[in-house]
Amino acid sequence: MSCDVMSDKRQRARIQGSWAKQLPKRSGPTGAASNNYQPNNANAASGSWGSGPQKTSKTFEFYQPTKPIREVPTEKVIELAGDYEISHGPSGVSRLRLLPGFLPPEEADWMFSKLLAELPWSQKTNYRQGEAYGEPRLTCWYGELPYTYAHSTMAANTQWHPLLVTLRQAVEQVSASSFNSLLCNLYRDGHDSIGWHSDDEASLGAKPTIASFSLGDTRVFSLRKQPPPEDNGDYTYVERIRVPLSHGTLLLMEGATQDDWQHQVAKEYHDKGPRINLTFRTTFPEPDRHRPGTKMRFVAKQP
């Protein structure tokens, strides 16, 4: 190849090179990309990438919940004779008084057999959400006034059995209270029961004293405290008490017990014999709700 041809090629290469644009130089380190996580944020930068002031990436922290963990209280058991203040609240003091052996065994045996055979036991029909159901126990009522609960009324009955009159007098003496009515319950076996409730009907007045006397097989009498308003009816974390009521035992519920507590006798499916429970109480005439302007007024009835 002649010298003139080689010179012509070099000249054309210089002219073509003068048209090419150089790529901007990248500052900073080269090589493999970093393993550090970078937030997906256009304003964030790392190392020497980009220009302008650099910002630190946000730090994410985990916070423990501030709501305290609540524990379910241990159920308490009351078995020994004595007076028990089970709660203090805005409604007042709630009290239980337990008197095991209120009647000696021989007398309790004789009374149990007489009442089981001679009281007018029947199964009451109650109503729940408009549907009728038979109570899972037998009952009878004594008192000059009718008694209504669970949307069903028991008629007045002034023909007290003589044994009940004698027993009422003994209960009034030890409780320093007077009673003019009596609800009798017969639990035929462990399948009979009564659900959670309070004896807070208007006819019983404010803070009633209820005297509960038991004959026959032992059954567990359970109580649970009413939940505070912020729990919206949730009974999970309330206080609970268990009281085994044996043959011849008297239990008094006083003060704010019916305001602040509920009670029940739950089913016990193992072998259980019959049990009679007699609950002495004082009832008052209820106001005439059909007369305009009538205010609630309780007038004590003498027994």
Protein backbone atom coordinates (compact mmCIF):
# COMPACT_ATOMS: atom_id res chain seq x y z
CA MET A 1 0.00 0.00 0.00
CA SER A 2 1.35 3.41 -0.97
CA CYS A 3 2.14 6.12 1.54
CA ASP A 4 -0.55 8.37 0.01
CA VAL A 5 -3.31 5.79 0.75
CA MET A 6 -2.22 5.31 4.41
CA SER A 7 -2.16 9.05 4.96
CA ASP A 8 -5.66 9.42 3.53
CA LYS A 9 -7.09 6.73 5.96
CA ARG A 10 -5.50 8.37 9.03
CA GLN A 11 -6.99 11.75 8.04
CA ARG A 12 -10.51 10.29 7.70
CA ALA A 13 -10.22 8.55 11.13
CA ARG A 14 -9.31 11.86 12.80
CA ILE A 15 -12.30 13.58 11.19
CA GLN A 16 -14.75 10.79 12.27
CA GLY A 17 -13.34 10.81 15.84
CA SER A 18 -14.03 14.51 16.15
CA TRP A 19 -17.82 13.80 15.68
CA ALA A 20 -18.11 11.20 18.49
CA LYS A 21 -19.34 12.42 21.91
CA GLN A 22 -17.65 11.21 25.02
CA LEU A 23 -19.81 9.54 27.73
CA PRO A 24 -19.80 11.42 31.01
CA LYS A 25 -17.42 9.92 33.51
CA ARG A 26 -19.00 8.08 36.53
CA SER A 27 -17.42 9.05 39.78
CA GLY A 28 -17.20 6.69 42.70
CA PRO A 29 -16.23 3.03 43.04
CA THR A 30 -16.84 0.48 40.35
CA GLY A 31 -17.56 -3.17 40.55
CA ALA A 32 -20.34 -5.25 42.19
CA ALA A 33 -23.49 -3.59 43.55
CA SER A 34 -23.91 -3.15 47.33
CA ASN A 35 -25.98 -5.72 49.38
CA ASN A 36 -27.38 -3.03 51.71
CA TYR A 37 -31.17 -2.40 51.45
CA GLN A 38 -31.91 1.08 50.12
CA PRO A 39 -35.34 2.65 50.78
CA ASN A 40 -37.45 3.19 47.69
CA ASN A 41 -37.16 6.99 47.94
CA ALA A 42 -36.06 9.35 45.19
CA ASN A 43 -34.53 11.73 47.73
CA ALA A 44 -32.38 9.10 49.36
CA ALA A 45 -28.78 8.54 48.18
CA SER A 46 -25.93 6.29 49.10
CA GLY A 47 -22.17 6.62 48.83
CA SER A 48 -21.04 9.09 46.17
CA TRP A 49 -23.91 8.44 43.75
CA GLY A 50 -25.60 11.61 42.48
CA SER A 51 -24.83 15.12 43.57
CA GLY A 52 -26.04 17.48 46.26
CA PRO A 53 -26.49 16.97 50.04
CA GLN A 54 -26.89 13.34 51.16
CA LYS A 55 -29.77 12.13 53.47
CA THR A 56 -29.71 9.28 55.93
CA SER A 57 -32.22 6.45 55.35
CA LYS A 58 -35.13 6.10 57.83
CA THR A 59 -34.81 3.66 60.74
CA PHE A 60 -37.78 1.32 61.38
CA GLU A 61 -38.50 0.36 65.01
CA PHE A 62 -40.95 -2.15 66.53
CA TYR A 63 -43.04 -1.00 69.49
CA GLN A 64 -44.68 -3.35 71.99
CA PRO A 65 -48.48 -2.84 72.41
CA THR A 66 -49.31 -0.53 75.29
CA LYS A 67 -52.54 -2.39 76.29
CA PRO A 68 -51.79 -4.52 79.37
CA ILE A 69 -52.27 -8.27 79.24
CA ARG A 70 -55.22 -9.28 81.45
CA GLU A 71 -55.34 -12.49 83.43
CA VAL A 72 -58.47 -14.46 84.28
CA PRO A 73 -58.88 -14.31 88.09
CA THR A 74 -58.70 -17.57 90.03
CA GLU A 75 -62.10 -18.74 91.24
CA LYS A 76 -62.46 -18.43 95.01
CA VAL A 77 -64.12 -21.08 97.17
CA ILE A 78 -66.18 -20.39 100.30
CA GLU A 79 -66.79 -23.46 102.47
CA LEU A 80 -66.36 -22.38 106.10
CA ALA A 81 -68.99 -20.70 108.24
CA GLY A 82 -68.63 -16.94 108.45
CA ASP A 83 -69.43 -13.49 107.09
CA TYR A 84 -67.77 -12.53 103.79
CA GLU A 85 -67.62 -9.09 102.16
CA ILE A 86 -67.14 -10.14 98.57
CA SER A 87 -66.98 -6.68 96.95
CA HIS A 88 -67.09 -2.92 97.54
CA GLY A 89 -68.41 -0.70 94.77
CA PRO A 90 -70.54 2.31 93.91
CA SER A 91 -73.65 0.26 94.71
CA GLY A 92 -72.35 -0.54 98.20
CA VAL A 93 -70.94 -3.58 99.97
CA SER A 94 -71.90 -7.08 98.80
CA ARG A 95 -72.00 -9.64 101.61
CA LEU A 96 -72.45 -13.39 102.00
CA ARG A 97 -73.10 -15.16 105.28
CA LEU A 98 -72.62 -18.93 105.26
CA LEU A 99 -74.12 -21.14 108.00
CA PRO A 100 -73.44 -24.85 107.34
CA GLY A 101 -75.43 -27.16 109.64
CA PHE A 102 -78.16 -24.58 110.26
CA LEU A 103 -80.35 -27.64 110.90
CA PRO A 104 -78.85 -30.81 112.46
CA PRO A 105 -78.74 -33.80 110.07
CA GLU A 106 -81.62 -35.77 111.62
CA GLU A 107 -83.98 -32.80 111.54
CA ALA A 108 -82.84 -31.86 108.02
CA ASP A 109 -83.49 -35.46 106.83
CA TRP A 110 -87.03 -35.45 108.22
CA MET A 111 -87.83 -31.99 106.78
CA PHE A 112 -86.47 -32.95 103.36
CA SER A 113 -88.66 -36.05 103.07
CA LYS A 114 -91.78 -34.17 104.23
CA LEU A 115 -91.33 -31.21 101.84
CA LEU A 116 -90.40 -33.46 98.91
CA ALA A 117 -93.64 -35.39 99.32
CA GLU A 118 -96.07 -32.67 100.40
CA LEU A 119 -95.29 -29.41 98.56
CA PRO A 120 -97.26 -28.68 95.33
CA TRP A 121 -94.31 -29.04 92.95
CA SER A 122 -94.87 -28.18 89.26
CA GLN A 123 -92.80 -27.23 86.21
CA LYS A 124 -93.11 -23.53 85.39
CA THR A 125 -93.20 -22.33 81.78
CA ASN A 126 -90.96 -19.35 81.00
CA TYR A 127 -90.45 -17.30 77.84
CA ARG A 128 -87.23 -16.32 76.11
CA GLN A 129 -87.34 -14.16 72.96
CA GLY A 130 -91.00 -15.04 72.55
CA GLU A 131 -90.47 -18.81 72.79
CA ALA A 132 -91.83 -20.90 75.66
CA TYR A 133 -89.67 -23.43 77.52
CA GLY A 134 -90.08 -25.55 80.63
CA GLU A 135 -87.78 -24.70 83.52
CA PRO A 136 -85.21 -27.45 84.17
CA ARG A 137 -86.47 -27.87 87.77
CA LEU A 138 -89.76 -27.89 89.70
CA THR A 139 -91.01 -24.93 91.74
CA CYS A 140 -93.77 -23.61 93.98
CA TRP A 141 -94.46 -20.17 95.44
CA TYR A 142 -95.76 -18.84 98.77
CA GLY A 143 -96.70 -15.23 99.36
CA GLU A 144 -99.59 -12.76 99.50
CA LEU A 145 -98.45 -11.28 96.17
CA PRO A 146 -97.80 -12.92 92.81
CA TYR A 147 -94.20 -13.17 91.65
CA THR A 148 -93.04 -12.53 88.08
CA TYR A 149 -89.69 -13.44 86.53
CA ALA A 150 -88.60 -14.58 83.04
CA HIS A 151 -91.84 -13.07 81.65
CA SER A 152 -93.97 -15.54 83.59
CA THR A 153 -96.00 -15.02 86.78
CA MET A 154 -96.59 -17.33 89.73
CA ALA A 155 -99.94 -16.72 91.44
CA ALA A 156 -100.20 -15.58 95.06
CA ASN A 157 -100.43 -18.44 97.56
CA THR A 158 -101.14 -17.76 101.24
CA GLN A 159 -101.57 -21.41 102.31
CA TRP A 160 -98.12 -21.92 103.83
CA HIS A 161 -97.12 -25.44 104.78
CA PRO A 162 -96.71 -25.54 108.60
CA LEU A 163 -93.08 -26.69 108.33
CA LEU A 164 -92.28 -23.66 106.16
CA VAL A 165 -93.79 -21.29 108.72
CA THR A 166 -91.60 -22.78 111.46
CA LEU A 167 -88.50 -22.65 109.25
CA ARG A 168 -89.22 -19.03 108.23
CA GLN A 169 -89.31 -17.97 111.87
CA ALA A 170 -85.93 -19.62 112.53
CA VAL A 171 -84.38 -17.94 109.45
CA GLU A 172 -85.78 -14.53 110.44
CA GLN A 173 -84.27 -14.84 113.90
CA VAL A 174 -80.74 -15.61 112.71
CA SER A 175 -80.81 -13.11 109.83
CA ALA A 176 -82.47 -10.22 111.74
CA SER A 177 -84.76 -9.82 108.69
CA SER A 178 -88.44 -10.43 108.02
CA PHE A 179 -89.74 -12.35 105.00
CA ASN A 180 -93.23 -12.51 103.54
CA SER A 181 -92.64 -14.82 100.57
CA LEU A 182 -90.81 -17.96 99.54
CA LEU A 183 -89.70 -19.47 96.23
CA CYS A 184 -89.15 -23.24 96.47
CA ASN A 185 -86.98 -25.07 93.92
CA LEU A 186 -86.67 -28.83 93.49
CA TYR A 187 -83.61 -30.05 91.56
CA ARG A 188 -84.54 -33.64 90.76
CA ASP A 189 -81.01 -34.69 89.71
CA GLY A 190 -77.81 -33.24 88.27
CA HIS A 191 -79.55 -32.39 85.00
CA ASP A 192 -81.76 -29.81 86.70
CA SER A 193 -80.29 -26.32 86.99
CA ILE A 194 -80.81 -22.57 87.00
CA GLY A 195 -78.85 -20.22 84.74
CA TRP A 196 -77.01 -16.99 85.49
CA HIS A 197 -79.30 -14.32 86.94
CA SER A 198 -79.74 -11.78 89.74
CA ASP A 199 -82.73 -11.52 92.05
CA ASP A 200 -83.25 -7.90 91.07
CA GLU A 201 -86.93 -7.77 90.13
CA ALA A 202 -88.65 -4.51 91.01
CA SER A 203 -91.00 -6.34 93.38
CA LEU A 204 -88.04 -7.22 95.65
CA GLY A 205 -87.13 -3.58 96.30
CA ALA A 206 -83.66 -2.09 96.59
CA LYS A 207 -80.77 -4.21 97.94
CA PRO A 208 -82.89 -7.18 99.03
CA THR A 209 -81.77 -9.77 101.55
CA ILE A 210 -82.26 -13.29 100.17
CA ALA A 211 -82.07 -16.25 102.56
CA SER A 212 -81.29 -19.50 100.71
CA PHE A 213 -81.74 -22.78 102.62
CA SER A 214 -80.65 -26.12 101.13
CA LEU A 215 -81.79 -29.70 101.80
CA GLY A 216 -80.69 -32.89 100.07
CA ASP A 217 -77.68 -33.53 97.86
CA THR A 218 -74.85 -30.97 97.73
CA ARG A 219 -74.86 -28.67 94.71
CA VAL A 220 -72.38 -25.92 93.76
CA PHE A 221 -73.73 -22.38 94.02
CA SER A 222 -71.65 -20.13 91.73
CA LEU A 223 -71.37 -16.34 91.69
CA ARG A 224 -69.76 -14.02 89.15
CA LYS A 225 -69.28 -10.26 89.40
CA GLN A 226 -70.95 -7.94 86.92
CA PRO A 227 -68.33 -6.64 84.42
CA PRO A 228 -67.49 -2.91 84.27
CA PRO A 229 -69.24 -0.88 81.52
CA GLU A 230 -66.09 -0.70 79.37
CA ASP A 231 -66.09 -4.52 79.01
CA ASN A 232 -69.45 -4.41 77.18
CA GLY A 233 -70.92 -7.44 78.92
CA ASP A 234 -67.78 -9.61 78.65
CA TYR A 235 -67.56 -11.87 81.75
CA THR A 236 -64.14 -13.31 80.86
CA TYR A 237 -62.13 -11.38 83.45
CA VAL A 238 -64.65 -11.01 86.30
CA GLU A 239 -64.25 -12.38 89.82
CA ARG A 240 -65.93 -15.72 90.52
CA ILE A 241 -66.88 -17.53 93.73
CA ARG A 242 -67.94 -21.13 94.29
CA VAL A 243 -69.99 -22.15 97.35
CA PRO A 244 -70.86 -25.86 97.84
CA LEU A 245 -74.27 -25.88 99.56
CA SER A 246 -74.71 -29.05 101.58
CA HIS A 247 -77.65 -30.60 103.43
CA GLY A 248 -79.02 -28.21 106.08
CA THR A 249 -76.94 -25.15 105.01
CA LEU A 250 -78.24 -21.56 105.13
CA LEU A 251 -76.73 -18.86 102.88
CA LEU A 252 -77.63 -15.17 103.24
CA MET A 253 -77.06 -12.76 100.35
CA GLU A 254 -77.11 -9.15 101.56
CA GLY A 255 -76.31 -5.56 100.58
CA ALA A 256 -75.46 -4.94 96.92
CA THR A 257 -75.09 -8.63 96.03
CA GLN A 258 -78.05 -8.59 93.62
CA ASP A 259 -76.82 -5.33 92.03
CA ASP A 260 -73.19 -6.32 91.50
CA TRP A 261 -73.25 -10.14 91.17
CA GLN A 262 -75.04 -12.91 89.32
CA HIS A 263 -75.50 -16.49 90.54
CA GLN A 264 -76.38 -19.91 89.16
CA VAL A 265 -76.64 -23.62 89.93
CA ALA A 266 -75.09 -25.32 86.91
CA LYS A 267 -75.83 -28.81 85.65
CA GLU A 268 -73.69 -31.57 87.18
CA TYR A 269 -73.93 -34.63 84.98
CA HIS A 270 -72.36 -37.15 87.38
CA ASP A 271 -74.58 -38.93 89.89
CA LYS A 272 -76.60 -36.39 91.85
CA GLY A 273 -79.65 -36.95 94.04
CA PRO A 274 -82.57 -34.56 94.57
CA ARG A 275 -82.07 -31.20 96.27
CA ILE A 276 -84.59 -28.70 97.66
CA ASN A 277 -83.67 -25.03 97.81
CA LEU A 278 -85.90 -22.58 99.71
CA THR A 279 -85.28 -18.86 99.07
CA PHE A 280 -87.01 -16.57 101.56
CA ARG A 281 -87.49 -12.97 100.44
CA THR A 282 -89.61 -9.85 100.94
CA THR A 283 -91.85 -8.72 98.09
CA PHE A 284 -93.61 -5.38 97.59
CA PRO A 285 -96.55 -4.32 95.43
CA GLU A 286 -95.39 -3.16 92.04
CA PRO A 287 -96.64 0.23 90.73
CA ASP A 288 -99.68 0.42 88.48
CA ARG A 289 -97.96 1.04 85.14
CA HIS A 290 -101.29 1.56 83.36
CA ARG A 291 -102.21 4.70 85.29
CA PRO A 292 -100.65 7.95 83.89
CA GLY A 293 -98.26 9.72 86.25
CA THR A 294 -97.80 6.74 88.56
CA LYS A 295 -94.42 6.70 90.27
CA MET A 296 -92.70 3.61 91.62
CA ARG A 297 -93.36 3.27 95.31
CA PHE A 298 -92.67 0.24 97.46
CA VAL A 299 -94.84 -0.40 100.53
CA ALA A 300 -93.68 -3.12 102.88
CA LYS A 301 -96.07 -6.00 103.46
CA GLN A 302 -96.11 -7.50 106.91
CA PRO A 303 -95.55 -11.26 106.96
